[in-house]
């Protein structure tokens, strides 16, 4: 048995999969203007986030102005 007969044509399968994803995203974004915020003309969209700091570089009180 050859690898291609056992596993199929993965390159072709991947290409078809990526084409499908591209088509779906193109349809979702059809008519979308990225220069405008979502909901333009309506109420402001409030976004909240948390930031977790895992490390902090050296702090020098001499260089703080």
PDB file of N, CA and C in Angstrom:
ATOM      1  N   UNK A   1       0.835  -1.190   0.000  1.00  0.00           N
ATOM      2  CA  UNK A   1       0.000   0.000   0.000  1.00  0.00           C
ATOM      3  C   UNK A   1       0.877   1.251   0.000  1.00  0.00           C
ATOM      4  N   UNK A   2       0.448   2.251  -0.710  1.00  0.00           N
ATOM      5  CA  UNK A   2       1.179   3.514  -0.672  1.00  0.00           C
ATOM      6  C   UNK A   2       0.536   4.411   0.383  1.00  0.00           C
ATOM      7  N   UNK A   3       1.287   5.392   0.832  1.00  0.00           N
ATOM      8  CA  UNK A   3       0.772   6.297   1.862  1.00  0.00           C
ATOM      9  C   UNK A   3      -0.452   7.050   1.352  1.00  0.00           C
ATOM     10  N   UNK A   4      -0.449   7.419   0.060  1.00  0.00           N
ATOM     11  CA  UNK A   4      -1.578   8.186  -0.458  1.00  0.00           C
ATOM     12  C   UNK A   4      -2.849   7.341  -0.529  1.00  0.00           C
ATOM     13  N   UNK A   5      -2.699   6.024  -0.772  1.00  0.00           N
ATOM     14  CA  UNK A   5      -3.899   5.195  -0.827  1.00  0.00           C
ATOM     15  C   UNK A   5      -4.457   4.934   0.562  1.00  0.00           C
ATOM     16  N   UNK A   6      -3.594   4.903   1.574  1.00  0.00           N
ATOM     17  CA  UNK A   6      -4.043   4.669   2.950  1.00  0.00           C
ATOM     18  C   UNK A   6      -4.653   5.943   3.536  1.00  0.00           C
ATOM     19  N   UNK A   7      -3.971   7.066   3.362  1.00  0.00           N
ATOM     20  CA  UNK A   7      -4.391   8.313   3.994  1.00  0.00           C
ATOM     21  C   UNK A   7      -5.239   9.192   3.079  1.00  0.00           C
ATOM     22  N   UNK A   8      -5.363   8.845   1.835  1.00  0.00           N
ATOM     23  CA  UNK A   8      -6.118   9.686   0.904  1.00  0.00           C
ATOM     24  C   UNK A   8      -5.266  10.853   0.471  1.00  0.00           C
ATOM     25  N   UNK A   9      -5.833  11.710  -0.313  1.00  0.00           N
ATOM     26  CA  UNK A   9      -5.102  12.873  -0.799  1.00  0.00           C
ATOM     27  C   UNK A   9      -5.311  14.025   0.171  1.00  0.00           C
ATOM     28  N   UNK A  10      -4.457  14.118   1.186  1.00  0.00           N
ATOM     29  CA  UNK A  10      -4.629  15.119   2.247  1.00  0.00           C
ATOM     30  C   UNK A  10      -4.465  16.533   1.713  1.00  0.00           C
ATOM     31  N   UNK A  11      -3.586  16.724   0.726  1.00  0.00           N
ATOM     32  CA  UNK A  11      -3.391  18.069   0.179  1.00  0.00           C
ATOM     33  C   UNK A  11      -4.689  18.566  -0.441  1.00  0.00           C
ATOM     34  N   UNK A  12      -5.347  17.721  -1.200  1.00  0.00           N
ATOM     35  CA  UNK A  12      -6.606  18.092  -1.843  1.00  0.00           C
ATOM     36  C   UNK A  12      -7.687  18.340  -0.795  1.00  0.00           C
ATOM     37  N   UNK A  13      -7.758  17.468   0.214  1.00  0.00           N
ATOM     38  CA  UNK A  13      -8.751  17.630   1.284  1.00  0.00           C
ATOM     39  C   UNK A  13      -8.540  18.944   2.022  1.00  0.00           C
ATOM     40  N   UNK A  14      -7.284  19.271   2.326  1.00  0.00           N
ATOM     41  CA  UNK A  14      -6.963  20.510   3.038  1.00  0.00           C
ATOM     42  C   UNK A  14      -7.326  21.714   2.186  1.00  0.00           C
ATOM     43  N   UNK A  15      -7.036  21.647   0.908  1.00  0.00           N
ATOM     44  CA  UNK A  15      -7.342  22.745   0.002  1.00  0.00           C
ATOM     45  C   UNK A  15      -8.849  22.997  -0.063  1.00  0.00           C
ATOM     46  N   UNK A  16      -9.635  21.934  -0.151  1.00  0.00           N
ATOM     47  CA  UNK A  16     -11.095  22.071  -0.183  1.00  0.00           C
ATOM     48  C   UNK A  16     -11.598  22.661   1.130  1.00  0.00           C
ATOM     49  N   UNK A  17     -11.043  22.194   2.253  1.00  0.00           N
ATOM     50  CA  UNK A  17     -11.427  22.687   3.577  1.00  0.00           C
ATOM     51  C   UNK A  17     -11.145  24.188   3.691  1.00  0.00           C
ATOM     52  N   UNK A  18      -9.947  24.614   3.269  1.00  0.00           N
ATOM     53  CA  UNK A  18      -9.581  26.026   3.347  1.00  0.00           C
ATOM     54  C   UNK A  18     -10.441  26.872   2.417  1.00  0.00           C
ATOM     55  N   UNK A  19     -10.774  26.339   1.245  1.00  0.00           N
ATOM     56  CA  UNK A  19     -11.660  27.057   0.330  1.00  0.00           C
ATOM     57  C   UNK A  19     -13.030  27.272   0.954  1.00  0.00           C
ATOM     58  N   UNK A  20     -13.544  26.258   1.656  1.00  0.00           N
ATOM     59  CA  UNK A  20     -14.840  26.380   2.328  1.00  0.00           C
ATOM     60  C   UNK A  20     -14.806  27.438   3.419  1.00  0.00           C
ATOM     61  N   UNK A  21     -13.743  27.445   4.205  1.00  0.00           N
ATOM     62  CA  UNK A  21     -13.601  28.442   5.276  1.00  0.00           C
ATOM     63  C   UNK A  21     -13.542  29.837   4.683  1.00  0.00           C
ATOM     64  N   UNK A  22     -12.778  29.989   3.614  1.00  0.00           N
ATOM     65  CA  UNK A  22     -12.661  31.294   2.956  1.00  0.00           C
ATOM     66  C   UNK A  22     -14.012  31.768   2.457  1.00  0.00           C
ATOM     67  N   UNK A  23     -14.779  30.887   1.840  1.00  0.00           N
ATOM     68  CA  UNK A  23     -16.097  31.250   1.327  1.00  0.00           C
ATOM     69  C   UNK A  23     -17.034  31.666   2.457  1.00  0.00           C
ATOM     70  N   UNK A  24     -17.008  30.934   3.561  1.00  0.00           N
ATOM     71  CA  UNK A  24     -17.864  31.255   4.714  1.00  0.00           C
ATOM     72  C   UNK A  24     -17.509  32.628   5.280  1.00  0.00           C
ATOM     73  N   UNK A  25     -16.217  32.894   5.475  1.00  0.00           N
ATOM     74  CA  UNK A  25     -15.794  34.186   6.024  1.00  0.00           C
ATOM     75  C   UNK A  25     -16.122  35.327   5.071  1.00  0.00           C
ATOM     76  N   UNK A  26     -15.950  35.100   3.775  1.00  0.00           N
ATOM     77  CA  UNK A  26     -16.297  36.137   2.794  1.00  0.00           C
ATOM     78  C   UNK A  26     -17.776  36.484   2.865  1.00  0.00           C
ATOM     79  N   UNK A  27     -18.632  35.485   3.032  1.00  0.00           N
ATOM     80  CA  UNK A  27     -20.080  35.739   3.135  1.00  0.00           C
ATOM     81  C   UNK A  27     -20.420  36.479   4.417  1.00  0.00           C
ATOM     82  N   UNK A  28     -19.767  36.108   5.524  1.00  0.00           N
ATOM     83  CA  UNK A  28     -20.041  36.773   6.803  1.00  0.00           C
ATOM     84  C   UNK A  28     -19.644  38.248   6.764  1.00  0.00           C
ATOM     85  N   UNK A  29     -18.561  38.545   6.063  1.00  0.00           N
ATOM     86  CA  UNK A  29     -18.041  39.912   6.043  1.00  0.00           C
ATOM     87  C   UNK A  29     -18.502  40.710   4.837  1.00  0.00           C
ATOM     88  N   UNK A  30     -19.393  40.160   4.030  1.00  0.00           N
ATOM     89  CA  UNK A  30     -19.890  40.862   2.854  1.00  0.00           C
ATOM     90  C   UNK A  30     -20.613  42.136   3.289  1.00  0.00           C
ATOM     91  N   UNK A  31     -20.198  43.266   2.774  1.00  0.00           N
ATOM     92  CA  UNK A  31     -20.813  44.545   3.122  1.00  0.00           C
ATOM     93  C   UNK A  31     -20.277  45.164   4.405  1.00  0.00           C
ATOM     94  N   UNK A  32     -19.317  44.518   5.038  1.00  0.00           N
ATOM     95  CA  UNK A  32     -18.758  45.033   6.291  1.00  0.00           C
ATOM     96  C   UNK A  32     -17.748  46.128   5.990  1.00  0.00           C
ATOM     97  N   UNK A  33     -17.876  47.269   6.635  1.00  0.00           N
ATOM     98  CA  UNK A  33     -16.939  48.379   6.468  1.00  0.00           C
ATOM     99  C   UNK A  33     -16.103  48.477   7.737  1.00  0.00           C
ATOM    100  N   UNK A  34     -14.845  48.063   7.651  1.00  0.00           N
ATOM    101  CA  UNK A  34     -14.010  48.031   8.860  1.00  0.00           C
ATOM    102  C   UNK A  34     -13.589  49.424   9.324  1.00  0.00           C
ATOM    103  N   UNK A  35     -14.000  50.471   8.621  1.00  0.00           N
ATOM    104  CA  UNK A  35     -13.695  51.827   9.079  1.00  0.00           C
ATOM    105  C   UNK A  35     -14.709  52.303  10.117  1.00  0.00           C
ATOM    106  N   UNK A  36     -15.831  51.605  10.234  1.00  0.00           N
ATOM    107  CA  UNK A  36     -16.875  51.993  11.177  1.00  0.00           C
ATOM    108  C   UNK A  36     -16.953  50.980  12.311  1.00  0.00           C
ATOM    109  N   UNK A  37     -17.243  51.456  13.483  1.00  0.00           N
ATOM    110  CA  UNK A  37     -17.380  50.540  14.612  1.00  0.00           C
ATOM    111  C   UNK A  37     -18.672  49.756  14.475  1.00  0.00           C
ATOM    112  N   UNK A  38     -18.735  48.577  15.083  1.00  0.00           N
ATOM    113  CA  UNK A  38     -19.986  47.806  15.056  1.00  0.00           C
ATOM    114  C   UNK A  38     -21.130  48.599  15.685  1.00  0.00           C
ATOM    115  N   UNK A  39     -22.289  48.550  15.083  1.00  0.00           N
ATOM    116  CA  UNK A  39     -23.447  49.247  15.628  1.00  0.00           C
ATOM    117  C   UNK A  39     -23.377  50.747  15.448  1.00  0.00           C
ATOM    118  N   UNK A  40     -22.635  51.231  14.457  1.00  0.00           N
ATOM    119  CA  UNK A  40     -22.497  52.673  14.229  1.00  0.00           C
ATOM    120  C   UNK A  40     -23.867  53.324  14.114  1.00  0.00           C
ATOM    121  N   UNK A  41     -24.051  54.426  14.816  1.00  0.00           N
ATOM    122  CA  UNK A  41     -25.333  55.118  14.813  1.00  0.00           C
ATOM    123  C   UNK A  41     -26.200  54.712  15.993  1.00  0.00           C
ATOM    124  N   UNK A  42     -25.843  53.642  16.654  1.00  0.00           N
ATOM    125  CA  UNK A  42     -26.588  53.182  17.818  1.00  0.00           C
ATOM    126  C   UNK A  42     -25.804  53.482  19.086  1.00  0.00           C
ATOM    127  N   UNK A  43     -26.167  52.824  20.161  1.00  0.00           N
ATOM    128  CA  UNK A  43     -25.449  53.058  21.416  1.00  0.00           C
ATOM    129  C   UNK A  43     -24.008  52.548  21.341  1.00  0.00           C
ATOM    130  N   UNK A  44     -23.156  53.117  22.154  1.00  0.00           N
ATOM    131  CA  UNK A  44     -21.749  52.728  22.210  1.00  0.00           C
ATOM    132  C   UNK A  44     -21.638  51.296  22.715  1.00  0.00           C
ATOM    133  N   UNK A  45     -20.729  50.548  22.129  1.00  0.00           N
ATOM    134  CA  UNK A  45     -20.467  49.184  22.581  1.00  0.00           C
ATOM    135  C   UNK A  45     -19.385  49.235  23.646  1.00  0.00           C
ATOM    136  N   UNK A  46     -19.736  48.842  24.853  1.00  0.00           N
ATOM    137  CA  UNK A  46     -18.774  48.853  25.951  1.00  0.00           C
ATOM    138  C   UNK A  46     -18.054  47.520  26.004  1.00  0.00           C
ATOM    139  N   UNK A  47     -16.725  47.582  26.046  1.00  0.00           N
ATOM    140  CA  UNK A  47     -15.912  46.375  26.099  1.00  0.00           C
ATOM    141  C   UNK A  47     -15.099  46.420  27.382  1.00  0.00           C
ATOM    142  N   UNK A  48     -15.185  45.366  28.171  1.00  0.00           N
ATOM    143  CA  UNK A  48     -14.401  45.271  29.400  1.00  0.00           C
ATOM    144  C   UNK A  48     -13.440  44.107  29.269  1.00  0.00           C
ATOM    145  N   UNK A  49     -12.267  44.249  29.866  1.00  0.00           N
ATOM    146  CA  UNK A  49     -11.283  43.179  29.816  1.00  0.00           C
ATOM    147  C   UNK A  49     -10.473  43.167  31.102  1.00  0.00           C
ATOM    148  N   UNK A  50      -9.906  42.033  31.400  1.00  0.00           N
ATOM    149  CA  UNK A  50      -8.986  41.886  32.529  1.00  0.00           C
ATOM    150  C   UNK A  50      -7.617  41.565  31.962  1.00  0.00           C
ATOM    151  N   UNK A  51      -6.591  42.079  32.597  1.00  0.00           N
ATOM    152  CA  UNK A  51      -5.222  41.784  32.184  1.00  0.00           C
ATOM    153  C   UNK A  51      -4.506  41.157  33.368  1.00  0.00           C
ATOM    154  N   UNK A  52      -3.901  40.019  33.126  1.00  0.00           N
ATOM    155  CA  UNK A  52      -3.124  39.344  34.160  1.00  0.00           C
ATOM    156  C   UNK A  52      -1.653  39.451  33.798  1.00  0.00           C
ATOM    157  N   UNK A  53      -0.855  40.082  34.665  1.00  0.00           N
ATOM    158  CA  UNK A  53       0.577  40.267  34.427  1.00  0.00           C
ATOM    159  C   UNK A  53       1.303  39.084  35.041  1.00  0.00           C
ATOM    160  N   UNK A  54       2.049  38.360  34.195  1.00  0.00           N
ATOM    161  CA  UNK A  54       2.769  37.191  34.696  1.00  0.00           C
ATOM    162  C   UNK A  54       4.209  37.510  35.062  1.00  0.00           C
ATOM    163  N   UNK A  55       4.729  38.623  34.553  1.00  0.00           N
ATOM    164  CA  UNK A  55       6.082  39.034  34.939  1.00  0.00           C
ATOM    165  C   UNK A  55       6.193  40.537  34.770  1.00  0.00           C
ATOM    166  N   UNK A  56       7.170  41.095  35.442  1.00  0.00           N
ATOM    167  CA  UNK A  56       7.377  42.534  35.403  1.00  0.00           C
ATOM    168  C   UNK A  56       8.872  42.776  35.354  1.00  0.00           C
ATOM    169  N   UNK A  57       9.303  43.593  34.410  1.00  0.00           N
ATOM    170  CA  UNK A  57      10.733  43.846  34.252  1.00  0.00           C
ATOM    171  C   UNK A  57      11.296  44.638  35.424  1.00  0.00           C
ATOM    172  N   UNK A  58      12.600  44.877  35.392  1.00  0.00           N
ATOM    173  CA  UNK A  58      13.250  45.616  36.499  1.00  0.00           C
ATOM    174  C   UNK A  58      12.739  47.044  36.585  1.00  0.00           C
ATOM    175  N   UNK A  59      12.647  47.543  37.823  1.00  0.00           N
ATOM    176  CA  UNK A  59      12.204  48.910  38.069  1.00  0.00           C
ATOM    177  C   UNK A  59      13.345  49.652  38.746  1.00  0.00           C
ATOM    178  N   UNK A  60      13.671  50.821  38.190  1.00  0.00           N
ATOM    179  CA  UNK A  60      14.759  51.621  38.751  1.00  0.00           C
ATOM    180  C   UNK A  60      14.193  52.955  39.240  1.00  0.00           C
ATOM    181  N   UNK A  61      14.283  53.213  40.541  1.00  0.00           N
ATOM    182  CA  UNK A  61      13.770  54.476  41.070  1.00  0.00           C
ATOM    183  C   UNK A  61      14.610  55.659  40.589  1.00  0.00           C
ATOM    184  N   UNK A  62      15.845  55.416  40.161  1.00  0.00           N
ATOM    185  CA  UNK A  62      16.711  56.477  39.654  1.00  0.00           C
ATOM    186  C   UNK A  62      16.205  56.982  38.294  1.00  0.00           C
ATOM    187  N   UNK A  63      15.708  56.067  37.471  1.00  0.00           N
ATOM    188  CA  UNK A  63      15.279  56.441  36.129  1.00  0.00           C
ATOM    189  C   UNK A  63      13.823  56.891  36.061  1.00  0.00           C
ATOM    190  N   UNK A  64      13.094  56.823  37.196  1.00  0.00           N
ATOM    191  CA  UNK A  64      11.709  57.277  37.202  1.00  0.00           C
ATOM    192  C   UNK A  64      11.668  58.794  37.306  1.00  0.00           C
ATOM    193  N   UNK A  65      10.983  59.417  36.404  1.00  0.00           N
ATOM    194  CA  UNK A  65      10.912  60.878  36.422  1.00  0.00           C
ATOM    195  C   UNK A  65       9.487  61.312  36.582  1.00  0.00           C
TER     196      UNK A  65
END
